Amino acid sequence: MSHALEGTPKPGLTLTEQANSQRLCRSMFIGHSVGYLLILAIAIGALAFFGFTRPVSYDAIFAVTSPPTVLHFPYVGLHPYATVGLALLASIIWTDLTVRRRHDRGRSGVDAVIWQILFLASVIIHTFANAPDIVGWLDAALALGAIYLFVVLILLPGTSGDNQYGARPRPS
């Protein structure tokens, strides 16, 4: 009768073990990121449905071009405090995911934390101040950082085997 159980898969990590691990494999990182983005989209839709909106515009000046490139995009956005609150919540969650993914690669997550701080600074400047010359440079740096993090977090594989952050995570 023992031969009947030989083909059963090993049990995966429990939710508690996944939440407390220092490493996060690529597939779990992508799955959790997509899940949190869906939750964030639902929260934005709910806030917009209940009227937490106002007319705003995206303004940026890129002074490195001759003549300087000016971007001005009017749109309907969330209330400023709702925007900053959602950005702060999303940054906290995504910082946890990115740092654990960086740990899976055997690296510290300092670069991801710095990117999140700059992202929050950009959101606050866009939301409360009209400083398009600063925002243009900051947004350009954030775009380059996002490309770097995309390559590091999604395209490159994690460390095979154990590293200083713990055992290799098993996707469930």
N, C-alpha and C. Protein backbone atom coordinates (compact mmCIF):
# COMPACT_ATOMS: atom_id res chain seq x y z
N MET A 1 0.81 -1.19 0.00
CA MET A 1 0.00 0.00 0.00
C MET A 1 0.86 1.26 0.00
N SER A 2 2.10 1.16 0.44
CA SER A 2 2.94 2.35 0.49
C SER A 2 3.30 2.86 -0.89
N HIS A 3 3.29 1.98 -1.91
CA HIS A 3 3.61 2.42 -3.26
C HIS A 3 2.54 3.36 -3.82
N ALA A 4 1.35 3.36 -3.28
CA ALA A 4 0.29 4.24 -3.75
C ALA A 4 0.57 5.70 -3.39
N LEU A 5 1.35 5.94 -2.35
CA LEU A 5 1.63 7.30 -1.91
C LEU A 5 2.92 7.87 -2.50
N GLU A 6 3.64 7.10 -3.27
CA GLU A 6 4.92 7.56 -3.78
C GLU A 6 4.77 8.71 -4.77
N GLY A 7 3.70 8.79 -5.49
CA GLY A 7 3.52 9.83 -6.48
C GLY A 7 2.92 11.11 -5.94
N THR A 8 2.59 11.17 -4.67
CA THR A 8 1.99 12.38 -4.13
C THR A 8 3.05 13.46 -3.97
N PRO A 9 2.71 14.70 -4.29
CA PRO A 9 3.69 15.77 -4.17
C PRO A 9 3.96 16.11 -2.71
N LYS A 10 5.15 16.67 -2.48
CA LYS A 10 5.50 17.12 -1.13
C LYS A 10 4.62 18.31 -0.79
N PRO A 11 4.21 18.42 0.47
CA PRO A 11 3.40 19.58 0.83
C PRO A 11 4.23 20.86 0.72
N GLY A 12 3.61 21.94 0.23
CA GLY A 12 4.29 23.22 0.11
C GLY A 12 4.36 23.93 1.45
N LEU A 13 4.91 25.12 1.43
CA LEU A 13 4.99 25.91 2.64
C LEU A 13 3.60 26.37 3.07
N THR A 14 3.40 26.43 4.36
CA THR A 14 2.14 26.99 4.86
C THR A 14 2.18 28.51 4.67
N LEU A 15 1.04 29.15 4.81
CA LEU A 15 0.99 30.61 4.66
C LEU A 15 1.85 31.29 5.71
N THR A 16 1.88 30.76 6.92
CA THR A 16 2.71 31.34 7.97
C THR A 16 4.19 31.22 7.63
N GLU A 17 4.59 30.07 7.11
CA GLU A 17 6.00 29.90 6.72
C GLU A 17 6.36 30.81 5.56
N GLN A 18 5.46 30.99 4.60
CA GLN A 18 5.71 31.91 3.49
C GLN A 18 5.84 33.34 3.97
N ALA A 19 4.96 33.75 4.88
CA ALA A 19 4.97 35.13 5.37
C ALA A 19 6.19 35.44 6.22
N ASN A 20 6.73 34.45 6.90
CA ASN A 20 7.86 34.68 7.79
C ASN A 20 9.21 34.37 7.17
N SER A 21 9.24 33.90 5.94
CA SER A 21 10.52 33.55 5.32
C SER A 21 11.23 34.82 4.86
N GLN A 22 12.56 34.76 4.82
CA GLN A 22 13.35 35.90 4.39
C GLN A 22 13.56 35.90 2.88
N ARG A 23 13.22 34.82 2.22
CA ARG A 23 13.41 34.71 0.78
C ARG A 23 12.07 34.48 0.09
N LEU A 24 11.96 34.98 -1.13
CA LEU A 24 10.74 34.85 -1.92
C LEU A 24 11.14 34.50 -3.34
N CYS A 25 10.71 33.33 -3.81
CA CYS A 25 11.11 32.90 -5.15
C CYS A 25 10.41 33.76 -6.21
N ARG A 26 10.90 33.69 -7.43
CA ARG A 26 10.42 34.53 -8.52
C ARG A 26 8.94 34.34 -8.80
N SER A 27 8.48 33.10 -8.85
CA SER A 27 7.06 32.87 -9.16
C SER A 27 6.14 33.40 -8.07
N MET A 28 6.55 33.25 -6.81
CA MET A 28 5.74 33.78 -5.72
C MET A 28 5.78 35.31 -5.72
N PHE A 29 6.92 35.89 -6.05
CA PHE A 29 7.03 37.35 -6.14
C PHE A 29 6.07 37.89 -7.19
N ILE A 30 6.07 37.27 -8.37
CA ILE A 30 5.18 37.73 -9.45
C ILE A 30 3.72 37.54 -9.05
N GLY A 31 3.39 36.40 -8.47
CA GLY A 31 2.02 36.14 -8.04
C GLY A 31 1.54 37.11 -6.98
N HIS A 32 2.38 37.35 -5.96
CA HIS A 32 2.00 38.29 -4.91
C HIS A 32 1.89 39.71 -5.46
N SER A 33 2.81 40.09 -6.35
CA SER A 33 2.77 41.44 -6.93
C SER A 33 1.49 41.66 -7.73
N VAL A 34 1.12 40.69 -8.54
CA VAL A 34 -0.11 40.81 -9.33
C VAL A 34 -1.33 40.86 -8.41
N GLY A 35 -1.33 40.04 -7.38
CA GLY A 35 -2.44 40.06 -6.42
C GLY A 35 -2.57 41.40 -5.72
N TYR A 36 -1.45 41.97 -5.27
CA TYR A 36 -1.51 43.27 -4.61
C TYR A 36 -1.89 44.38 -5.58
N LEU A 37 -1.46 44.28 -6.84
CA LEU A 37 -1.87 45.28 -7.82
C LEU A 37 -3.38 45.22 -8.08
N LEU A 38 -3.94 44.02 -8.10
CA LEU A 38 -5.39 43.89 -8.26
C LEU A 38 -6.14 44.49 -7.07
N ILE A 39 -5.65 44.22 -5.88
CA ILE A 39 -6.27 44.80 -4.67
C ILE A 39 -6.17 46.31 -4.70
N LEU A 40 -5.00 46.83 -5.12
CA LEU A 40 -4.82 48.28 -5.21
C LEU A 40 -5.76 48.88 -6.25
N ALA A 41 -5.93 48.22 -7.39
CA ALA A 41 -6.84 48.71 -8.43
C ALA A 41 -8.28 48.73 -7.92
N ILE A 42 -8.66 47.71 -7.17
CA ILE A 42 -10.01 47.68 -6.60
C ILE A 42 -10.19 48.81 -5.59
N ALA A 43 -9.16 49.08 -4.77
CA ALA A 43 -9.24 50.17 -3.80
C ALA A 43 -9.34 51.52 -4.51
N ILE A 44 -8.58 51.71 -5.58
CA ILE A 44 -8.65 52.96 -6.34
C ILE A 44 -10.04 53.12 -6.97
N GLY A 45 -10.55 52.03 -7.55
CA GLY A 45 -11.90 52.07 -8.12
C GLY A 45 -12.96 52.39 -7.08
N ALA A 46 -12.83 51.81 -5.90
CA ALA A 46 -13.81 52.07 -4.83
C ALA A 46 -13.74 53.52 -4.37
N LEU A 47 -12.52 54.05 -4.21
CA LEU A 47 -12.39 55.45 -3.80
C LEU A 47 -12.94 56.38 -4.87
N ALA A 48 -12.70 56.06 -6.14
CA ALA A 48 -13.24 56.89 -7.23
C ALA A 48 -14.77 56.79 -7.28
N PHE A 49 -15.29 55.60 -7.04
CA PHE A 49 -16.74 55.40 -7.05
C PHE A 49 -17.42 56.23 -5.96
N PHE A 50 -16.78 56.33 -4.80
CA PHE A 50 -17.37 57.07 -3.69
C PHE A 50 -17.02 58.56 -3.71
N GLY A 51 -16.42 59.02 -4.80
CA GLY A 51 -16.24 60.45 -4.99
C GLY A 51 -14.97 61.06 -4.43
N PHE A 52 -13.97 60.30 -4.14
CA PHE A 52 -12.71 60.83 -3.64
C PHE A 52 -11.81 61.24 -4.81
N THR A 53 -12.34 62.08 -5.72
CA THR A 53 -11.60 62.49 -6.91
C THR A 53 -11.54 64.00 -7.00
N ARG A 54 -10.63 64.48 -7.85
CA ARG A 54 -10.52 65.90 -8.16
C ARG A 54 -9.75 66.02 -9.47
N PRO A 55 -9.95 67.10 -10.21
CA PRO A 55 -9.17 67.30 -11.44
C PRO A 55 -7.73 67.69 -11.10
N VAL A 56 -6.77 67.01 -11.68
CA VAL A 56 -5.35 67.28 -11.46
C VAL A 56 -4.63 67.20 -12.81
N SER A 57 -3.33 67.49 -12.79
CA SER A 57 -2.55 67.36 -14.01
C SER A 57 -1.14 66.92 -13.67
N TYR A 58 -0.53 66.22 -14.61
CA TYR A 58 0.86 65.82 -14.50
C TYR A 58 1.69 66.86 -15.25
N ASP A 59 2.62 67.50 -14.56
CA ASP A 59 3.47 68.51 -15.17
C ASP A 59 4.93 68.13 -14.92
N ALA A 60 5.72 68.15 -15.97
CA ALA A 60 7.15 67.90 -15.84
C ALA A 60 7.89 68.67 -16.91
N ILE A 61 9.06 69.19 -16.54
CA ILE A 61 9.92 69.90 -17.48
C ILE A 61 11.24 69.16 -17.53
N PHE A 62 11.64 68.74 -18.73
CA PHE A 62 12.92 68.08 -18.92
C PHE A 62 13.87 69.11 -19.53
N ALA A 63 14.72 69.69 -18.70
CA ALA A 63 15.58 70.79 -19.10
C ALA A 63 16.80 70.34 -19.88
N VAL A 64 17.04 69.04 -20.00
CA VAL A 64 18.22 68.57 -20.70
C VAL A 64 18.05 68.63 -22.21
N THR A 65 16.84 68.83 -22.68
CA THR A 65 16.62 68.96 -24.12
C THR A 65 16.64 70.44 -24.49
N SER A 66 16.88 70.71 -25.75
CA SER A 66 16.91 72.10 -26.19
C SER A 66 15.90 72.24 -27.32
N PRO A 67 14.83 72.96 -27.22
CA PRO A 67 14.34 73.65 -26.03
C PRO A 67 13.81 72.66 -25.00
N PRO A 68 13.64 73.09 -23.74
CA PRO A 68 13.17 72.16 -22.70
C PRO A 68 11.82 71.54 -23.05
N THR A 69 11.71 70.24 -22.81
CA THR A 69 10.47 69.52 -23.09
C THR A 69 9.52 69.69 -21.91
N VAL A 70 8.31 70.12 -22.19
CA VAL A 70 7.31 70.34 -21.15
C VAL A 70 6.19 69.33 -21.35
N LEU A 71 5.89 68.60 -20.29
CA LEU A 71 4.77 67.65 -20.32
C LEU A 71 3.65 68.20 -19.45
N HIS A 72 2.44 68.22 -19.99
CA HIS A 72 1.27 68.67 -19.23
C HIS A 72 0.10 67.76 -19.62
N PHE A 73 -0.31 66.90 -18.69
CA PHE A 73 -1.41 65.97 -18.93
C PHE A 73 -2.49 66.18 -17.87
N PRO A 74 -3.63 66.79 -18.22
CA PRO A 74 -4.72 66.89 -17.24
C PRO A 74 -5.50 65.57 -17.16
N TYR A 75 -5.94 65.22 -15.97
CA TYR A 75 -6.73 64.00 -15.75
C TYR A 75 -7.49 64.13 -14.45
N VAL A 76 -8.39 63.21 -14.19
CA VAL A 76 -9.13 63.18 -12.94
C VAL A 76 -8.43 62.18 -12.03
N GLY A 77 -7.98 62.66 -10.89
CA GLY A 77 -7.24 61.81 -9.97
C GLY A 77 -7.92 61.71 -8.62
N LEU A 78 -7.33 60.89 -7.77
CA LEU A 78 -7.86 60.73 -6.42
C LEU A 78 -7.55 61.96 -5.58
N HIS A 79 -8.28 62.08 -4.49
CA HIS A 79 -8.01 63.14 -3.52
C HIS A 79 -6.56 63.00 -3.04
N PRO A 80 -5.86 64.10 -2.77
CA PRO A 80 -4.44 64.02 -2.42
C PRO A 80 -4.12 63.09 -1.25
N TYR A 81 -4.91 63.14 -0.21
CA TYR A 81 -4.61 62.30 0.95
C TYR A 81 -4.88 60.82 0.65
N ALA A 82 -5.88 60.55 -0.17
CA ALA A 82 -6.13 59.16 -0.59
C ALA A 82 -4.98 58.66 -1.45
N THR A 83 -4.46 59.52 -2.32
CA THR A 83 -3.33 59.15 -3.18
C THR A 83 -2.11 58.81 -2.35
N VAL A 84 -1.76 59.68 -1.43
CA VAL A 84 -0.58 59.44 -0.60
C VAL A 84 -0.79 58.23 0.31
N GLY A 85 -1.99 58.07 0.84
CA GLY A 85 -2.27 56.91 1.70
C GLY A 85 -2.14 55.59 0.95
N LEU A 86 -2.71 55.53 -0.26
CA LEU A 86 -2.58 54.30 -1.05
C LEU A 86 -1.13 54.07 -1.49
N ALA A 87 -0.42 55.14 -1.84
CA ALA A 87 0.98 55.00 -2.23
C ALA A 87 1.82 54.51 -1.05
N LEU A 88 1.56 55.00 0.12
CA LEU A 88 2.29 54.56 1.32
C LEU A 88 2.00 53.09 1.62
N LEU A 89 0.75 52.70 1.57
CA LEU A 89 0.38 51.31 1.80
C LEU A 89 1.00 50.39 0.75
N ALA A 90 0.91 50.78 -0.52
CA ALA A 90 1.50 49.97 -1.58
C ALA A 90 3.01 49.88 -1.44
N SER A 91 3.65 50.96 -1.03
CA SER A 91 5.11 50.95 -0.86
C SER A 91 5.54 50.03 0.27
N ILE A 92 4.81 50.03 1.35
CA ILE A 92 5.15 49.15 2.47
C ILE A 92 5.05 47.69 2.03
N ILE A 93 3.96 47.36 1.36
CA ILE A 93 3.77 45.97 0.92
C ILE A 93 4.81 45.59 -0.12
N TRP A 94 5.02 46.46 -1.11
CA TRP A 94 5.94 46.11 -2.19
C TRP A 94 7.40 46.13 -1.73
N THR A 95 7.72 46.96 -0.73
CA THR A 95 9.08 46.94 -0.17
C THR A 95 9.35 45.59 0.47
N ASP A 96 8.37 45.06 1.19
CA ASP A 96 8.54 43.73 1.78
C ASP A 96 8.79 42.68 0.70
N LEU A 97 8.01 42.72 -0.36
CA LEU A 97 8.18 41.74 -1.44
C LEU A 97 9.53 41.88 -2.13
N THR A 98 9.92 43.11 -2.45
CA THR A 98 11.17 43.30 -3.18
C THR A 98 12.39 42.96 -2.34
N VAL A 99 12.37 43.29 -1.07
CA VAL A 99 13.51 42.96 -0.21
C VAL A 99 13.64 41.45 -0.07
N ARG A 100 12.54 40.75 0.12
CA ARG A 100 12.62 39.29 0.22
C ARG A 100 13.04 38.65 -1.10
N ARG A 101 12.64 39.24 -2.23
CA ARG A 101 13.10 38.73 -3.52
C ARG A 101 14.59 38.98 -3.71
N ARG A 102 15.07 40.16 -3.28
CA ARG A 102 16.51 40.43 -3.35
C ARG A 102 17.28 39.46 -2.45
N HIS A 103 16.70 39.11 -1.29
CA HIS A 103 17.34 38.12 -0.42
C HIS A 103 17.44 36.77 -1.11
N ASP A 104 16.45 36.44 -1.93
CA ASP A 104 16.50 35.18 -2.66
C ASP A 104 17.66 35.17 -3.64
N ARG A 105 18.05 36.32 -4.12
CA ARG A 105 19.19 36.43 -5.02
C ARG A 105 20.50 36.55 -4.26
N GLY A 106 20.46 36.55 -2.90
CA GLY A 106 21.68 36.64 -2.11
C GLY A 106 22.18 38.06 -1.94
N ARG A 107 21.34 39.05 -2.12
CA ARG A 107 21.71 40.46 -2.02
C ARG A 107 20.82 41.14 -0.99
N SER A 108 21.30 42.29 -0.50
CA SER A 108 20.45 43.06 0.41
C SER A 108 19.42 43.82 -0.43
N GLY A 109 18.39 44.29 0.21
CA GLY A 109 17.33 44.98 -0.50
C GLY A 109 17.43 46.49 -0.41
N VAL A 110 18.63 47.02 -0.16
CA VAL A 110 18.78 48.46 0.02
C VAL A 110 18.38 49.22 -1.25
N ASP A 111 18.74 48.71 -2.42
CA ASP A 111 18.39 49.40 -3.66
C ASP A 111 16.88 49.49 -3.84
N ALA A 112 16.16 48.45 -3.48
CA ALA A 112 14.70 48.47 -3.60
C ALA A 112 14.08 49.43 -2.59
N VAL A 113 14.65 49.51 -1.39
CA VAL A 113 14.13 50.44 -0.38
C VAL A 113 14.37 51.88 -0.82
N ILE A 114 15.55 52.16 -1.37
CA ILE A 114 15.84 53.52 -1.86
C ILE A 114 14.88 53.88 -2.98
N TRP A 115 14.59 52.94 -3.88
CA TRP A 115 13.65 53.21 -4.97
C TRP A 115 12.27 53.53 -4.40
N GLN A 116 11.85 52.79 -3.38
CA GLN A 116 10.52 53.03 -2.79
C GLN A 116 10.46 54.41 -2.13
N ILE A 117 11.53 54.83 -1.46
CA ILE A 117 11.56 56.15 -0.83
C ILE A 117 11.47 57.24 -1.90
N LEU A 118 12.23 57.07 -2.98
CA LEU A 118 12.16 58.05 -4.07
C LEU A 118 10.78 58.05 -4.73
N PHE A 119 10.16 56.88 -4.84
CA PHE A 119 8.81 56.79 -5.40
C PHE A 119 7.82 57.56 -4.53
N LEU A 120 7.90 57.38 -3.20
CA LEU A 120 7.01 58.12 -2.31
C LEU A 120 7.27 59.63 -2.39
N ALA A 121 8.54 60.01 -2.50
CA ALA A 121 8.86 61.44 -2.66
C ALA A 121 8.23 61.98 -3.94
N SER A 122 8.30 61.22 -5.01
CA SER A 122 7.70 61.65 -6.27
C SER A 122 6.18 61.78 -6.14
N VAL A 123 5.55 60.83 -5.49
CA VAL A 123 4.10 60.90 -5.30
C VAL A 123 3.72 62.13 -4.48
N ILE A 124 4.46 62.41 -3.42
CA ILE A 124 4.16 63.57 -2.57
C ILE A 124 4.38 64.86 -3.33
N ILE A 125 5.49 64.95 -4.10
CA ILE A 125 5.74 66.16 -4.88
C ILE A 125 4.67 66.35 -5.95
N HIS A 126 4.30 65.27 -6.64
CA HIS A 126 3.24 65.38 -7.66
C HIS A 126 1.91 65.78 -7.03
N THR A 127 1.66 65.29 -5.84
CA THR A 127 0.36 65.49 -5.22
C THR A 127 0.21 66.87 -4.60
N PHE A 128 1.24 67.33 -3.89
CA PHE A 128 1.09 68.55 -3.10
C PHE A 128 1.87 69.76 -3.60
N ALA A 129 2.88 69.57 -4.44
CA ALA A 129 3.70 70.71 -4.87
C ALA A 129 3.69 70.79 -6.40
N ASN A 130 3.94 71.97 -6.88
CA ASN A 130 4.06 72.15 -8.32
C ASN A 130 5.52 72.48 -8.61
N ALA A 131 6.34 71.45 -8.71
CA ALA A 131 7.77 71.62 -8.96
C ALA A 131 8.16 70.74 -10.15
N PRO A 132 7.73 71.09 -11.37
CA PRO A 132 7.94 70.21 -12.51
C PRO A 132 9.41 69.97 -12.86
N ASP A 133 10.32 70.92 -12.56
CA ASP A 133 11.72 70.70 -12.90
C ASP A 133 12.34 69.61 -12.03
N ILE A 134 11.99 69.57 -10.76
CA ILE A 134 12.50 68.51 -9.87
C ILE A 134 11.84 67.18 -10.22
N VAL A 135 10.56 67.21 -10.47
CA VAL A 135 9.82 65.98 -10.73
C VAL A 135 10.29 65.31 -12.02
N GLY A 136 10.66 66.09 -13.03
CA GLY A 136 11.15 65.51 -14.28
C GLY A 136 12.40 64.69 -14.06
N TRP A 137 13.35 65.22 -13.32
CA TRP A 137 14.58 64.47 -13.02
C TRP A 137 14.28 63.25 -12.15
N LEU A 138 13.45 63.44 -11.17
CA LEU A 138 13.12 62.34 -10.26
C LEU A 138 12.39 61.22 -11.00
N ASP A 139 11.45 61.59 -11.86
CA ASP A 139 10.72 60.57 -12.62
C ASP A 139 11.63 59.83 -13.59
N ALA A 140 12.59 60.54 -14.18
CA ALA A 140 13.55 59.87 -15.07
C ALA A 140 14.41 58.88 -14.28
N ALA A 141 14.85 59.27 -13.09
CA ALA A 141 15.63 58.36 -12.24
C ALA A 141 14.79 57.16 -11.80
N LEU A 142 13.51 57.41 -11.50
CA LEU A 142 12.62 56.32 -11.11
C LEU A 142 12.38 55.35 -12.26
N ALA A 143 12.28 55.86 -13.48
CA ALA A 143 12.08 54.99 -14.64
C ALA A 143 13.30 54.10 -14.85
N LEU A 144 14.49 54.66 -14.74
CA LEU A 144 15.71 53.85 -14.87
C LEU A 144 15.80 52.82 -13.75
N GLY A 145 15.46 53.25 -12.53
CA GLY A 145 15.46 52.31 -11.40
C GLY A 145 14.45 51.20 -11.56
N ALA A 146 13.30 51.52 -12.14
CA ALA A 146 12.27 50.50 -12.37
C ALA A 146 12.73 49.47 -13.39
N ILE A 147 13.43 49.92 -14.43
CA ILE A 147 13.97 48.96 -15.41
C ILE A 147 15.00 48.06 -14.75
N TYR A 148 15.87 48.64 -13.95
CA TYR A 148 16.88 47.85 -13.22
C TYR A 148 16.20 46.82 -12.31
N LEU A 149 15.21 47.27 -11.52
CA LEU A 149 14.54 46.35 -10.61
C LEU A 149 13.76 45.28 -11.36
N PHE A 150 13.19 45.61 -12.51
CA PHE A 150 12.50 44.60 -13.31
C PHE A 150 13.46 43.49 -13.71
N VAL A 151 14.63 43.86 -14.19
CA VAL A 151 15.62 42.86 -14.60
C VAL A 151 16.06 42.03 -13.40
N VAL A 152 16.37 42.70 -12.30
CA VAL A 152 16.91 42.00 -11.13
C VAL A 152 15.87 41.14 -10.43
N LEU A 153 14.63 41.64 -10.33
CA LEU A 153 13.61 40.92 -9.57
C LEU A 153 12.88 39.86 -10.39
N ILE A 154 12.69 40.09 -11.68
CA ILE A 154 11.85 39.20 -12.46
C ILE A 154 12.64 38.34 -13.44
N LEU A 155 13.61 38.92 -14.11
CA LEU A 155 14.31 38.17 -15.15
C LEU A 155 15.42 37.27 -14.61
N LEU A 156 16.13 37.71 -13.58
CA LEU A 156 17.25 36.93 -13.07
C LEU A 156 16.78 35.89 -12.05
N PRO A 157 17.32 34.69 -12.10
CA PRO A 157 16.90 33.66 -11.15
C PRO A 157 17.48 33.89 -9.76
N GLY A 158 16.90 33.23 -8.77
CA GLY A 158 17.40 33.30 -7.41
C GLY A 158 18.61 32.41 -7.21
N THR A 159 19.22 32.51 -6.05
CA THR A 159 20.37 31.68 -5.71
C THR A 159 19.92 30.24 -5.58
N SER A 160 20.64 29.33 -6.23
CA SER A 160 20.29 27.92 -6.08
C SER A 160 20.89 27.43 -4.76
N GLY A 161 20.07 26.83 -3.96
CA GLY A 161 20.53 26.35 -2.65
C GLY A 161 20.39 27.43 -1.59
N ASP A 162 21.01 27.17 -0.46
CA ASP A 162 20.93 28.08 0.68
C ASP A 162 21.87 29.27 0.48
N ASN A 163 21.53 30.40 1.09
CA ASN A 163 22.42 31.54 1.15
C ASN A 163 22.33 32.14 2.56
N GLN A 164 22.93 33.31 2.78
CA GLN A 164 22.96 33.89 4.12
C GLN A 164 21.59 34.29 4.64
N TYR A 165 20.58 34.30 3.77
CA TYR A 165 19.23 34.69 4.19
C TYR A 165 18.32 33.49 4.43
N GLY A 166 18.83 32.30 4.29
CA GLY A 166 18.05 31.11 4.61
C GLY A 166 18.02 30.09 3.50
N ALA A 167 17.16 29.11 3.70
CA ALA A 167 17.02 28.03 2.74
C ALA A 167 16.26 28.51 1.50
N ARG A 168 16.48 27.82 0.39
CA ARG A 168 15.81 28.16 -0.85
C ARG A 168 14.30 27.93 -0.71
N PRO A 169 13.48 28.94 -1.08
CA PRO A 169 12.03 28.76 -0.96
C PRO A 169 11.52 27.81 -2.04
N ARG A 170 10.52 27.05 -1.66
CA ARG A 170 9.86 26.13 -2.62
C ARG A 170 8.56 26.77 -3.05
N PRO A 171 8.35 26.90 -4.36
CA PRO A 171 7.04 27.39 -4.79
C PRO A 171 5.97 26.35 -4.47
N SER A 172 4.81 26.82 -4.02
CA SER A 172 3.75 25.86 -3.68
C SER A 172 2.87 25.59 -4.84
